């Protein structure tokens, strides 16, 4: 009798733990679906080359270096580096100050690290979708310290960021269509 009760309790614990795992996976999936939704935009043309050219121009206008374009599969990748130590109020002497400080610390074992570079990488996929084109963009930010070590890597999942990007692409498509 006690053995049956113990087995019944163990079975209940096992079933309830599976339910909890399943619930958390469903909520994660919903978040991924929401992210995919704002990373994707449909445009009212099936001219994939026109859209890829517009995306290319937008990225270049924003300071990205386009690394790879594969028209056959609609893939475009690029990256951009931002010096995090530069501010609008910095002057040219900051380079020399940082150099001298770096040299003075190079002999000591106490090397101070700080966030130096933010690398933003992008991957864009453009595909024909009936009479439309589907564009999905993924942006990722990587922070490097002054020694070149990775400090943080994070997907950019800000809806407003993607809205602004796609707004620029939309304007670029308009300009491309009208030869401007």
N, C-alpha and C. Protein backbone atom coordinates (compact mmCIF):
# COMPACT_ATOMS: atom_id res chain seq x y z
N UNK A 1 0.81 -1.18 0.00
CA UNK A 1 0.00 0.00 0.00
C UNK A 1 0.87 1.27 0.00
N UNK A 2 1.90 1.28 0.89
CA UNK A 2 2.80 2.42 0.94
C UNK A 2 3.56 2.57 -0.37
N UNK A 3 3.94 1.47 -0.99
CA UNK A 3 4.67 1.50 -2.25
C UNK A 3 3.81 2.12 -3.35
N UNK A 4 2.54 1.77 -3.40
CA UNK A 4 1.63 2.36 -4.39
C UNK A 4 1.47 3.86 -4.17
N UNK A 5 1.38 4.28 -2.92
CA UNK A 5 1.24 5.70 -2.60
C UNK A 5 2.49 6.48 -3.01
N UNK A 6 3.66 5.90 -2.74
CA UNK A 6 4.92 6.54 -3.11
C UNK A 6 5.02 6.65 -4.62
N UNK A 7 4.68 5.58 -5.34
CA UNK A 7 4.72 5.61 -6.81
C UNK A 7 3.73 6.63 -7.36
N UNK A 8 2.57 6.73 -6.77
CA UNK A 8 1.58 7.71 -7.20
C UNK A 8 2.08 9.13 -6.99
N UNK A 9 2.70 9.42 -5.86
CA UNK A 9 3.26 10.75 -5.58
C UNK A 9 4.41 11.07 -6.54
N UNK A 10 5.28 10.10 -6.78
CA UNK A 10 6.39 10.32 -7.72
C UNK A 10 5.85 10.59 -9.13
N UNK A 11 4.83 9.87 -9.52
CA UNK A 11 4.22 10.08 -10.83
C UNK A 11 3.60 11.48 -10.93
N UNK A 12 2.96 11.93 -9.88
CA UNK A 12 2.35 13.27 -9.87
C UNK A 12 3.43 14.36 -9.98
N UNK A 13 4.53 14.16 -9.25
CA UNK A 13 5.63 15.13 -9.31
C UNK A 13 6.22 15.15 -10.71
N UNK A 14 6.42 13.99 -11.31
CA UNK A 14 6.99 13.90 -12.65
C UNK A 14 6.09 14.60 -13.67
N UNK A 15 4.79 14.35 -13.62
CA UNK A 15 3.85 14.95 -14.57
C UNK A 15 3.79 16.46 -14.38
N UNK A 16 3.77 16.92 -13.15
CA UNK A 16 3.69 18.37 -12.93
C UNK A 16 4.98 19.07 -13.36
N UNK A 17 6.13 18.42 -13.21
CA UNK A 17 7.38 19.05 -13.65
C UNK A 17 7.43 19.14 -15.17
N UNK A 18 6.88 18.16 -15.87
CA UNK A 18 6.83 18.23 -17.33
C UNK A 18 5.94 19.37 -17.79
N UNK A 19 4.85 19.59 -17.08
CA UNK A 19 3.93 20.66 -17.44
C UNK A 19 4.61 22.02 -17.29
N UNK A 20 5.38 22.20 -16.26
CA UNK A 20 6.07 23.47 -16.04
C UNK A 20 7.07 23.72 -17.17
N UNK A 21 7.82 22.72 -17.55
CA UNK A 21 8.79 22.87 -18.63
C UNK A 21 8.09 23.22 -19.93
N UNK A 22 7.01 22.56 -20.21
CA UNK A 22 6.26 22.81 -21.44
C UNK A 22 5.74 24.25 -21.48
N UNK A 23 5.24 24.75 -20.36
CA UNK A 23 4.70 26.11 -20.31
C UNK A 23 5.78 27.13 -20.59
N UNK A 24 6.97 26.97 -20.02
CA UNK A 24 8.03 27.95 -20.23
C UNK A 24 8.51 27.93 -21.68
N UNK A 25 8.52 26.78 -22.32
CA UNK A 25 8.91 26.72 -23.72
C UNK A 25 7.90 27.45 -24.60
N UNK A 26 6.62 27.35 -24.27
CA UNK A 26 5.60 28.03 -25.06
C UNK A 26 5.74 29.54 -24.95
N UNK A 27 6.05 30.06 -23.76
CA UNK A 27 6.19 31.50 -23.61
C UNK A 27 7.44 32.00 -24.34
N UNK A 28 8.53 31.21 -24.34
CA UNK A 28 9.73 31.57 -25.09
C UNK A 28 9.42 31.59 -26.58
N UNK A 29 8.68 30.61 -27.07
CA UNK A 29 8.33 30.55 -28.48
C UNK A 29 7.52 31.77 -28.89
N UNK A 30 6.60 32.21 -28.04
CA UNK A 30 5.79 33.39 -28.35
C UNK A 30 6.69 34.61 -28.48
N UNK A 31 7.68 34.75 -27.61
CA UNK A 31 8.60 35.87 -27.67
C UNK A 31 9.41 35.82 -28.96
N UNK A 32 9.88 34.65 -29.35
CA UNK A 32 10.61 34.51 -30.61
C UNK A 32 9.73 34.87 -31.79
N UNK A 33 8.48 34.50 -31.74
CA UNK A 33 7.54 34.83 -32.81
C UNK A 33 7.34 36.35 -32.89
N UNK A 34 7.20 36.99 -31.76
CA UNK A 34 7.04 38.44 -31.74
C UNK A 34 8.28 39.13 -32.30
N UNK A 35 9.46 38.67 -31.92
CA UNK A 35 10.70 39.25 -32.43
C UNK A 35 10.78 39.06 -33.94
N UNK A 36 10.48 37.87 -34.42
CA UNK A 36 10.52 37.61 -35.86
C UNK A 36 9.54 38.52 -36.60
N UNK A 37 8.41 38.80 -35.97
CA UNK A 37 7.40 39.65 -36.61
C UNK A 37 7.93 41.06 -36.87
N UNK A 38 8.60 41.67 -35.88
CA UNK A 38 9.08 43.03 -36.14
C UNK A 38 10.42 43.07 -36.86
N UNK A 39 11.08 41.92 -37.02
CA UNK A 39 12.29 41.84 -37.85
C UNK A 39 11.95 41.63 -39.32
N UNK A 40 10.69 41.43 -39.62
CA UNK A 40 10.26 41.11 -40.98
C UNK A 40 9.31 42.18 -41.52
N UNK A 41 9.49 42.50 -42.79
CA UNK A 41 8.62 43.48 -43.44
C UNK A 41 8.34 43.01 -44.86
N UNK A 42 7.13 43.27 -45.33
CA UNK A 42 6.72 42.92 -46.69
C UNK A 42 6.64 44.21 -47.51
N UNK A 43 7.13 44.14 -48.74
CA UNK A 43 7.10 45.29 -49.64
C UNK A 43 6.32 44.92 -50.90
N UNK A 44 5.63 45.91 -51.46
CA UNK A 44 4.72 45.67 -52.59
C UNK A 44 5.44 45.64 -53.93
N UNK A 45 6.48 44.87 -53.99
CA UNK A 45 7.16 44.59 -55.26
C UNK A 45 7.85 43.24 -55.12
N UNK A 46 7.91 42.50 -56.21
CA UNK A 46 8.62 41.23 -56.15
C UNK A 46 10.00 41.34 -56.82
N UNK A 47 10.48 42.56 -57.00
CA UNK A 47 11.80 42.81 -57.57
C UNK A 47 12.84 42.71 -56.46
N UNK A 48 13.36 41.51 -56.26
CA UNK A 48 14.29 41.24 -55.18
C UNK A 48 15.58 42.05 -55.34
N UNK A 49 16.06 42.20 -56.57
CA UNK A 49 17.29 42.97 -56.78
C UNK A 49 17.11 44.43 -56.40
N UNK A 50 15.96 45.00 -56.71
CA UNK A 50 15.67 46.38 -56.34
C UNK A 50 15.70 46.55 -54.83
N UNK A 51 15.09 45.63 -54.12
CA UNK A 51 15.05 45.71 -52.66
C UNK A 51 16.44 45.49 -52.07
N UNK A 52 17.20 44.54 -52.62
CA UNK A 52 18.55 44.31 -52.11
C UNK A 52 19.43 45.55 -52.31
N UNK A 53 19.26 46.20 -53.44
CA UNK A 53 20.02 47.43 -53.72
C UNK A 53 19.63 48.52 -52.72
N UNK A 54 18.35 48.61 -52.41
CA UNK A 54 17.89 49.60 -51.44
C UNK A 54 18.46 49.30 -50.04
N UNK A 55 18.41 48.04 -49.63
CA UNK A 55 18.97 47.64 -48.32
C UNK A 55 20.46 47.95 -48.28
N UNK A 56 21.16 47.64 -49.36
CA UNK A 56 22.60 47.92 -49.45
C UNK A 56 22.86 49.41 -49.27
N UNK A 57 22.10 50.25 -49.97
CA UNK A 57 22.28 51.71 -49.87
C UNK A 57 21.99 52.21 -48.46
N UNK A 58 20.95 51.70 -47.82
CA UNK A 58 20.59 52.12 -46.47
C UNK A 58 21.71 51.76 -45.50
N UNK A 59 22.22 50.54 -45.61
CA UNK A 59 23.30 50.12 -44.71
C UNK A 59 24.55 50.97 -44.92
N UNK A 60 24.89 51.23 -46.16
CA UNK A 60 26.07 52.06 -46.43
C UNK A 60 25.86 53.49 -45.92
N UNK A 61 24.66 54.02 -46.10
CA UNK A 61 24.36 55.36 -45.58
C UNK A 61 24.51 55.42 -44.06
N UNK A 62 24.24 54.31 -43.38
CA UNK A 62 24.34 54.24 -41.92
C UNK A 62 25.75 53.85 -41.44
N UNK A 63 26.71 53.77 -42.36
CA UNK A 63 28.10 53.51 -41.97
C UNK A 63 28.49 52.04 -41.91
N UNK A 64 27.67 51.15 -42.43
CA UNK A 64 28.01 49.72 -42.44
C UNK A 64 28.93 49.42 -43.62
N UNK A 65 29.80 48.47 -43.41
CA UNK A 65 30.61 47.91 -44.48
C UNK A 65 29.94 46.60 -44.88
N UNK A 66 29.48 46.52 -46.12
CA UNK A 66 28.80 45.32 -46.59
C UNK A 66 29.87 44.26 -46.88
N UNK A 67 29.75 43.12 -46.23
CA UNK A 67 30.76 42.06 -46.32
C UNK A 67 30.43 41.02 -47.38
N UNK A 68 29.14 40.74 -47.57
CA UNK A 68 28.76 39.63 -48.43
C UNK A 68 27.37 39.88 -49.01
N UNK A 69 27.23 39.64 -50.33
CA UNK A 69 25.94 39.72 -51.00
C UNK A 69 25.81 38.49 -51.89
N UNK A 70 24.76 37.72 -51.68
CA UNK A 70 24.48 36.56 -52.52
C UNK A 70 23.06 36.74 -53.06
N UNK A 71 22.97 37.24 -54.29
CA UNK A 71 21.68 37.58 -54.89
C UNK A 71 20.82 36.34 -55.06
N UNK A 72 21.42 35.19 -55.41
CA UNK A 72 20.66 33.97 -55.67
C UNK A 72 19.78 33.56 -54.49
N UNK A 73 20.26 33.75 -53.28
CA UNK A 73 19.46 33.38 -52.11
C UNK A 73 18.98 34.59 -51.32
N UNK A 74 19.28 35.79 -51.82
CA UNK A 74 18.80 37.01 -51.19
C UNK A 74 19.48 37.34 -49.87
N UNK A 75 20.75 37.02 -49.72
CA UNK A 75 21.47 37.23 -48.48
C UNK A 75 22.40 38.43 -48.58
N UNK A 76 22.40 39.24 -47.53
CA UNK A 76 23.28 40.40 -47.45
C UNK A 76 23.76 40.51 -46.01
N UNK A 77 25.08 40.62 -45.81
CA UNK A 77 25.64 40.77 -44.47
C UNK A 77 26.56 41.97 -44.42
N UNK A 78 26.67 42.55 -43.26
CA UNK A 78 27.56 43.70 -43.08
C UNK A 78 27.85 43.94 -41.62
N UNK A 79 28.75 44.89 -41.37
CA UNK A 79 29.10 45.23 -40.01
C UNK A 79 29.52 46.69 -39.93
N UNK A 80 29.49 47.19 -38.70
CA UNK A 80 29.83 48.58 -38.42
C UNK A 80 30.51 48.61 -37.07
N UNK A 81 31.56 49.42 -36.94
CA UNK A 81 32.23 49.56 -35.66
C UNK A 81 32.07 50.98 -35.15
N UNK A 82 31.79 51.10 -33.85
CA UNK A 82 31.63 52.39 -33.22
C UNK A 82 32.60 52.45 -32.05
N UNK A 83 33.43 53.50 -32.02
CA UNK A 83 34.37 53.70 -30.92
C UNK A 83 33.59 54.26 -29.73
N UNK A 84 33.47 53.47 -28.68
CA UNK A 84 32.67 53.87 -27.53
C UNK A 84 33.38 54.89 -26.64
N UNK A 85 34.68 55.08 -26.83
CA UNK A 85 35.42 56.01 -25.99
C UNK A 85 35.34 57.43 -26.51
N UNK A 86 34.92 57.60 -27.74
CA UNK A 86 34.81 58.93 -28.32
C UNK A 86 33.48 59.54 -27.93
N UNK A 87 33.53 60.76 -27.55
CA UNK A 87 32.30 61.49 -27.26
C UNK A 87 32.27 62.73 -28.14
N UNK A 88 31.15 63.39 -28.18
CA UNK A 88 31.01 64.59 -29.00
C UNK A 88 31.92 65.70 -28.49
N UNK A 89 32.28 65.65 -27.21
CA UNK A 89 33.10 66.70 -26.62
C UNK A 89 34.59 66.36 -26.63
N UNK A 90 34.96 65.21 -27.20
CA UNK A 90 36.37 64.82 -27.18
C UNK A 90 37.15 65.65 -28.19
N UNK A 91 38.44 65.75 -27.94
CA UNK A 91 39.30 66.46 -28.88
C UNK A 91 40.43 65.55 -29.34
N UNK A 92 41.24 66.01 -30.25
CA UNK A 92 42.29 65.18 -30.84
C UNK A 92 43.36 64.79 -29.83
N UNK A 93 43.51 65.52 -28.74
CA UNK A 93 44.54 65.20 -27.76
C UNK A 93 44.20 63.96 -26.95
N UNK A 94 42.93 63.51 -26.97
CA UNK A 94 42.54 62.31 -26.24
C UNK A 94 43.36 61.11 -26.68
N UNK A 95 43.69 61.02 -27.97
CA UNK A 95 44.48 59.90 -28.47
C UNK A 95 45.81 59.84 -27.73
N UNK A 96 46.47 60.98 -27.60
CA UNK A 96 47.79 61.03 -26.96
C UNK A 96 47.69 60.75 -25.47
N UNK A 97 46.63 61.25 -24.85
CA UNK A 97 46.43 60.98 -23.42
C UNK A 97 46.24 59.50 -23.19
N UNK A 98 45.39 58.87 -24.01
CA UNK A 98 45.14 57.44 -23.87
C UNK A 98 46.40 56.62 -24.16
N UNK A 99 47.18 57.04 -25.14
CA UNK A 99 48.41 56.34 -25.48
C UNK A 99 49.40 56.39 -24.33
N UNK A 100 49.59 57.58 -23.76
CA UNK A 100 50.54 57.73 -22.66
C UNK A 100 50.07 56.95 -21.44
N UNK A 101 48.77 57.01 -21.15
CA UNK A 101 48.25 56.24 -20.03
C UNK A 101 48.43 54.75 -20.26
N UNK A 102 48.21 54.31 -21.49
CA UNK A 102 48.37 52.89 -21.82
C UNK A 102 49.81 52.44 -21.68
N UNK A 103 50.74 53.27 -22.14
CA UNK A 103 52.16 52.92 -22.04
C UNK A 103 52.63 52.89 -20.59
N UNK A 104 52.12 53.81 -19.79
CA UNK A 104 52.55 53.84 -18.40
C UNK A 104 52.01 52.62 -17.64
N UNK A 105 50.88 52.09 -18.06
CA UNK A 105 50.32 50.93 -17.39
C UNK A 105 50.83 49.62 -17.97
N UNK A 106 51.48 49.68 -19.13
CA UNK A 106 51.92 48.44 -19.77
C UNK A 106 52.99 47.73 -18.97
N UNK A 107 53.73 48.44 -18.17
CA UNK A 107 54.78 47.83 -17.36
C UNK A 107 54.23 47.27 -16.06
N UNK A 108 53.07 47.68 -15.66
CA UNK A 108 52.51 47.18 -14.41
C UNK A 108 51.57 46.02 -14.71
N UNK A 109 51.33 45.22 -13.68
CA UNK A 109 50.44 44.06 -13.86
C UNK A 109 48.97 44.49 -13.73
N UNK A 110 48.73 45.73 -13.34
CA UNK A 110 47.37 46.25 -13.16
C UNK A 110 46.90 46.93 -14.45
N UNK A 111 46.43 46.13 -15.40
CA UNK A 111 45.94 46.69 -16.66
C UNK A 111 44.44 46.91 -16.55
N UNK A 112 44.05 48.13 -16.67
CA UNK A 112 42.64 48.49 -16.59
C UNK A 112 41.99 48.22 -17.94
N UNK A 113 40.83 47.58 -17.89
CA UNK A 113 40.08 47.36 -19.13
C UNK A 113 38.81 48.20 -19.10
N UNK A 114 38.39 48.58 -20.28
CA UNK A 114 37.17 49.36 -20.42
C UNK A 114 36.56 49.03 -21.77
N UNK A 115 35.26 49.28 -21.90
CA UNK A 115 34.58 49.03 -23.17
C UNK A 115 35.09 50.02 -24.21
N UNK A 116 35.56 49.49 -25.33
CA UNK A 116 36.21 50.32 -26.33
C UNK A 116 35.42 50.39 -27.64
N UNK A 117 35.04 49.23 -28.19
CA UNK A 117 34.42 49.16 -29.52
C UNK A 117 33.07 48.43 -29.42
N UNK A 118 32.09 48.98 -30.12
CA UNK A 118 30.83 48.26 -30.30
C UNK A 118 30.75 47.87 -31.78
N UNK A 119 30.69 46.58 -32.04
CA UNK A 119 30.53 46.08 -33.40
C UNK A 119 29.06 45.73 -33.58
N UNK A 120 28.47 46.27 -34.64
CA UNK A 120 27.08 45.95 -34.96
C UNK A 120 27.11 45.15 -36.25
N UNK A 121 26.58 43.94 -36.20
CA UNK A 121 26.54 43.06 -37.37
C UNK A 121 25.10 42.91 -37.83
N UNK A 122 24.93 42.77 -39.13
CA UNK A 122 23.59 42.64 -39.69
C UNK A 122 23.57 41.52 -40.71
N UNK A 123 22.46 40.82 -40.72
CA UNK A 123 22.20 39.80 -41.73
C UNK A 123 20.79 40.06 -42.25
N UNK A 124 20.66 40.19 -43.57
CA UNK A 124 19.36 40.49 -44.17
C UNK A 124 19.06 39.41 -45.20
N UNK A 125 17.82 38.91 -45.18
CA UNK A 125 17.36 37.95 -46.16
C UNK A 125 16.19 38.55 -46.91
N UNK A 126 16.29 38.58 -48.25
CA UNK A 126 15.24 39.11 -49.10
C UNK A 126 14.74 37.97 -49.98
N UNK A 127 13.43 37.75 -49.97
CA UNK A 127 12.88 36.67 -50.80
C UNK A 127 11.56 37.11 -51.43
N UNK A 128 11.32 36.56 -52.61
CA UNK A 128 10.08 36.84 -53.32
C UNK A 128 8.94 36.13 -52.59
N UNK A 129 7.82 36.83 -52.45
CA UNK A 129 6.68 36.30 -51.73
C UNK A 129 5.43 36.65 -52.53
N UNK A 130 5.19 35.87 -53.59
CA UNK A 130 4.08 36.16 -54.50
C UNK A 130 4.36 37.44 -55.26
N UNK A 131 3.44 38.42 -55.17
CA UNK A 131 3.64 39.71 -55.82
C UNK A 131 4.37 40.70 -54.90
N UNK A 132 4.79 40.21 -53.76
CA UNK A 132 5.51 41.03 -52.80
C UNK A 132 6.91 40.46 -52.57
N UNK A 133 7.66 41.16 -51.74
CA UNK A 133 8.96 40.65 -51.28
C UNK A 133 8.96 40.69 -49.76
N UNK A 134 9.59 39.69 -49.19
CA UNK A 134 9.69 39.57 -47.74
C UNK A 134 11.14 39.85 -47.36
N UNK A 135 11.33 40.75 -46.41
CA UNK A 135 12.66 41.12 -45.95
C UNK A 135 12.73 40.87 -44.45
N UNK A 136 13.73 40.09 -44.05
CA UNK A 136 13.97 39.87 -42.62
C UNK A 136 15.39 40.31 -42.31
N UNK A 137 15.51 41.14 -41.30
CA UNK A 137 16.81 41.65 -40.88
C UNK A 137 17.08 41.27 -39.43
N UNK A 138 18.32 40.89 -39.16
CA UNK A 138 18.76 40.58 -37.79
C UNK A 138 19.98 41.44 -37.50
N UNK A 139 19.93 42.17 -36.41
CA UNK A 139 21.08 42.98 -35.98
C UNK A 139 21.58 42.42 -34.65
N UNK A 140 22.90 42.44 -34.48
CA UNK A 140 23.53 41.96 -33.26
C UNK A 140 24.62 42.96 -32.86
N UNK A 141 24.73 43.24 -31.57
CA UNK A 141 25.76 44.15 -31.07
C UNK A 141 26.75 43.36 -30.24
N UNK A 142 28.03 43.63 -30.48
CA UNK A 142 29.10 42.98 -29.74
C UNK A 142 29.98 44.09 -29.16
N UNK A 143 30.26 44.01 -27.87
CA UNK A 143 31.11 45.01 -27.22
C UNK A 143 32.47 44.38 -26.93
N UNK A 144 33.52 45.08 -27.37
CA UNK A 144 34.90 44.65 -27.14
C UNK A 144 35.58 45.62 -26.19
N UNK A 145 36.46 45.10 -25.34
CA UNK A 145 37.21 45.99 -24.45
C UNK A 145 38.45 46.52 -25.16
N UNK A 146 39.22 47.33 -24.46
CA UNK A 146 40.40 47.95 -25.05
C UNK A 146 41.50 46.94 -25.39
N UNK A 147 41.40 45.71 -24.92
CA UNK A 147 42.36 44.67 -25.25
C UNK A 147 41.86 43.78 -26.39
N UNK A 148 40.66 44.06 -26.89
CA UNK A 148 40.09 43.28 -27.99
C UNK A 148 39.29 42.07 -27.57
N UNK A 149 39.07 41.91 -26.28
CA UNK A 149 38.29 40.78 -25.77
C UNK A 149 36.80 41.09 -25.82
N UNK A 150 36.01 40.07 -26.13
CA UNK A 150 34.56 40.24 -26.17
C UNK A 150 34.03 40.38 -24.75
N UNK A 151 33.28 41.44 -24.51
CA UNK A 151 32.68 41.69 -23.21
C UNK A 151 31.24 41.21 -23.19
N UNK A 152 30.51 41.49 -24.29
CA UNK A 152 29.10 41.15 -24.35
C UNK A 152 28.67 41.00 -25.81
N UNK A 153 27.79 40.06 -26.06
CA UNK A 153 27.17 39.89 -27.37
C UNK A 153 25.67 39.83 -27.13
N UNK A 154 24.94 40.66 -27.87
CA UNK A 154 23.51 40.75 -27.61
C UNK A 154 22.76 41.01 -28.91
N UNK A 155 21.70 40.27 -29.12
CA UNK A 155 20.82 40.52 -30.27
C UNK A 155 20.07 41.82 -30.03
N UNK A 156 19.94 42.62 -31.06
CA UNK A 156 19.16 43.85 -30.96
C UNK A 156 17.71 43.46 -31.22
N UNK A 157 16.90 43.58 -30.19
CA UNK A 157 15.50 43.17 -30.31
C UNK A 157 14.55 44.31 -29.94
N UNK A 158 14.94 45.52 -30.32
CA UNK A 158 14.14 46.71 -30.08
C UNK A 158 13.25 46.98 -31.30
N UNK A 159 11.95 46.91 -31.10
CA UNK A 159 11.00 47.06 -32.21
C UNK A 159 11.17 48.41 -32.91
N UNK A 160 11.39 49.48 -32.16
CA UNK A 160 11.53 50.81 -32.75
C UNK A 160 12.76 50.87 -33.66
N UNK A 161 13.85 50.21 -33.28
CA UNK A 161 15.06 50.16 -34.10
C UNK A 161 14.74 49.58 -35.48
N UNK A 162 14.00 48.47 -35.50
CA UNK A 162 13.65 47.82 -36.77
C UNK A 162 12.66 48.66 -37.57
N UNK A 163 11.72 49.33 -36.90
CA UNK A 163 10.78 50.20 -37.60
C UNK A 163 11.53 51.31 -38.33
N UNK A 164 12.51 51.90 -37.67
CA UNK A 164 13.30 52.96 -38.30
C UNK A 164 14.12 52.41 -39.48
N UNK A 165 14.69 51.23 -39.31
CA UNK A 165 15.46 50.61 -40.40
C UNK A 165 14.57 50.37 -41.61
N UNK A 166 13.41 49.75 -41.39
CA UNK A 166 12.52 49.44 -42.51
C UNK A 166 11.92 50.70 -43.14
N UNK A 167 11.75 51.74 -42.35
CA UNK A 167 11.29 53.01 -42.91
C UNK A 167 12.32 53.56 -43.90
N UNK A 168 13.60 53.45 -43.55
CA UNK A 168 14.67 53.88 -44.46
C UNK A 168 14.69 53.02 -45.72
N UNK A 169 14.49 51.72 -45.55
CA UNK A 169 14.46 50.82 -46.71
C UNK A 169 13.30 51.18 -47.63
N UNK A 170 12.14 51.47 -47.03
CA UNK A 170 10.98 51.86 -47.81
C UNK A 170 11.25 53.12 -48.63
N UNK A 171 11.88 54.11 -48.02
CA UNK A 171 12.25 55.34 -48.73
C UNK A 171 13.27 55.03 -49.83
N UNK A 172 14.20 54.13 -49.52
CA UNK A 172 15.20 53.74 -50.52
C UNK A 172 14.57 53.06 -51.72
N UNK A 173 13.56 52.23 -51.50
CA UNK A 173 12.87 51.56 -52.61
C UNK A 173 12.17 52.61 -53.48
N UNK A 174 11.54 53.58 -52.83
CA UNK A 174 10.88 54.66 -53.58
C UNK A 174 11.90 55.39 -54.46
N UNK A 175 13.03 55.73 -53.88
CA UNK A 175 14.08 56.44 -54.64
C UNK A 175 14.60 55.59 -55.79
N UNK A 176 14.81 54.29 -55.54
CA UNK A 176 15.31 53.39 -56.58
C UNK A 176 14.30 53.28 -57.73
N UNK A 177 13.01 53.13 -57.39
CA UNK A 177 11.99 52.99 -58.41
C UNK A 177 11.89 54.21 -59.32
N UNK A 178 12.14 55.39 -58.74
CA UNK A 178 12.01 56.63 -59.48
C UNK A 178 13.35 57.16 -59.99
N UNK A 179 14.38 56.34 -59.89
CA UNK A 179 15.69 56.69 -60.43
C UNK A 179 16.35 57.89 -59.78
N UNK A 180 16.05 58.11 -58.53
CA UNK A 180 16.64 59.26 -57.82
C UNK A 180 17.85 58.87 -57.01
